[in-house]
Amino acid sequence: LGEGDSFRFDGKPFRWRNPGAEPAVVIWVVSPPVY
């Protein structure tokens, strides 16, 4: 994914935000795979 891109899973809503001035790094792990 690039800047401004997103993805979602149906179900429970989630939200993240980066309150700092530095870029955030997100590591997303799905186990077991759902694809």
N, C-alpha and C. Protein backbone atom coordinates (compact mmCIF):
# COMPACT_ATOMS: atom_id res chain seq x y z
N LEU A 1 0.83 -1.18 0.00
CA LEU A 1 0.00 0.00 0.00
C LEU A 1 0.87 1.24 0.00
N GLY A 2 0.38 2.26 -0.64
CA GLY A 2 1.09 3.53 -0.67
C GLY A 2 0.37 4.58 0.16
N GLU A 3 0.95 5.77 0.19
CA GLU A 3 0.36 6.86 0.95
C GLU A 3 -1.07 7.12 0.48
N GLY A 4 -1.99 7.19 1.41
CA GLY A 4 -3.39 7.44 1.10
C GLY A 4 -4.19 6.19 0.77
N ASP A 5 -3.53 5.04 0.58
CA ASP A 5 -4.23 3.79 0.30
C ASP A 5 -4.81 3.23 1.59
N SER A 6 -5.78 2.36 1.45
CA SER A 6 -6.36 1.72 2.62
C SER A 6 -6.91 0.36 2.23
N PHE A 7 -7.25 -0.43 3.23
CA PHE A 7 -7.95 -1.69 3.02
C PHE A 7 -8.82 -1.92 4.22
N ARG A 8 -9.75 -2.85 4.10
CA ARG A 8 -10.65 -3.10 5.23
C ARG A 8 -11.13 -4.53 5.21
N PHE A 9 -11.61 -4.95 6.35
CA PHE A 9 -12.28 -6.22 6.51
C PHE A 9 -13.69 -5.91 6.97
N ASP A 10 -14.67 -6.64 6.45
CA ASP A 10 -16.03 -6.48 6.94
C ASP A 10 -16.08 -6.85 8.41
N GLY A 11 -16.90 -6.18 9.16
CA GLY A 11 -17.04 -6.52 10.57
C GLY A 11 -16.82 -5.32 11.47
N LYS A 12 -16.17 -5.57 12.58
CA LYS A 12 -15.95 -4.56 13.61
C LYS A 12 -15.13 -3.37 13.08
N PRO A 13 -15.61 -2.14 13.28
CA PRO A 13 -14.84 -0.98 12.80
C PRO A 13 -13.59 -0.73 13.65
N PHE A 14 -12.54 -0.26 13.01
CA PHE A 14 -11.29 0.07 13.67
C PHE A 14 -10.83 1.44 13.20
N ARG A 15 -9.99 2.08 13.99
CA ARG A 15 -9.42 3.37 13.59
C ARG A 15 -8.02 3.49 14.19
N TRP A 16 -7.10 4.04 13.41
CA TRP A 16 -5.76 4.31 13.87
C TRP A 16 -5.41 5.74 13.52
N ARG A 17 -4.54 6.33 14.33
CA ARG A 17 -4.04 7.66 13.98
C ARG A 17 -2.63 7.80 14.52
N ASN A 18 -1.87 8.63 13.87
CA ASN A 18 -0.50 8.90 14.27
C ASN A 18 -0.47 10.31 14.85
N PRO A 19 -0.38 10.45 16.18
CA PRO A 19 -0.40 11.78 16.78
C PRO A 19 0.93 12.53 16.68
N GLY A 20 1.98 11.87 16.21
CA GLY A 20 3.30 12.50 16.16
C GLY A 20 3.60 13.12 14.80
N ALA A 21 4.73 13.80 14.73
CA ALA A 21 5.15 14.45 13.49
C ALA A 21 5.91 13.49 12.57
N GLU A 22 6.43 12.39 13.11
CA GLU A 22 7.17 11.41 12.32
C GLU A 22 6.20 10.47 11.61
N PRO A 23 6.57 9.98 10.41
CA PRO A 23 5.73 9.00 9.73
C PRO A 23 5.57 7.74 10.59
N ALA A 24 4.42 7.14 10.53
CA ALA A 24 4.16 5.90 11.26
C ALA A 24 4.48 4.70 10.38
N VAL A 25 4.87 3.61 11.01
CA VAL A 25 5.07 2.34 10.33
C VAL A 25 4.07 1.37 10.91
N VAL A 26 3.27 0.75 10.05
CA VAL A 26 2.24 -0.18 10.50
C VAL A 26 2.59 -1.57 9.99
N ILE A 27 2.53 -2.53 10.88
CA ILE A 27 2.73 -3.93 10.51
C ILE A 27 1.40 -4.63 10.76
N TRP A 28 0.80 -5.15 9.70
CA TRP A 28 -0.51 -5.80 9.80
C TRP A 28 -0.30 -7.29 9.62
N VAL A 29 -0.73 -8.08 10.59
CA VAL A 29 -0.58 -9.52 10.54
C VAL A 29 -1.96 -10.14 10.62
N VAL A 30 -2.27 -11.06 9.70
CA VAL A 30 -3.55 -11.77 9.70
C VAL A 30 -3.24 -13.25 9.87
N SER A 31 -3.77 -13.84 10.94
CA SER A 31 -3.53 -15.25 11.19
C SER A 31 -4.77 -15.87 11.81
N PRO A 32 -5.31 -16.91 11.22
CA PRO A 32 -4.89 -17.54 9.98
C PRO A 32 -5.25 -16.67 8.79
N PRO A 33 -4.63 -16.92 7.62
CA PRO A 33 -4.93 -16.13 6.43
C PRO A 33 -6.42 -16.17 6.10
N VAL A 34 -6.96 -15.04 5.70
CA VAL A 34 -8.39 -14.97 5.35
C VAL A 34 -8.60 -14.75 3.86
N TYR A 35 -7.57 -14.90 3.07
CA TYR A 35 -7.69 -14.71 1.63
C TYR A 35 -7.78 -16.02 0.91
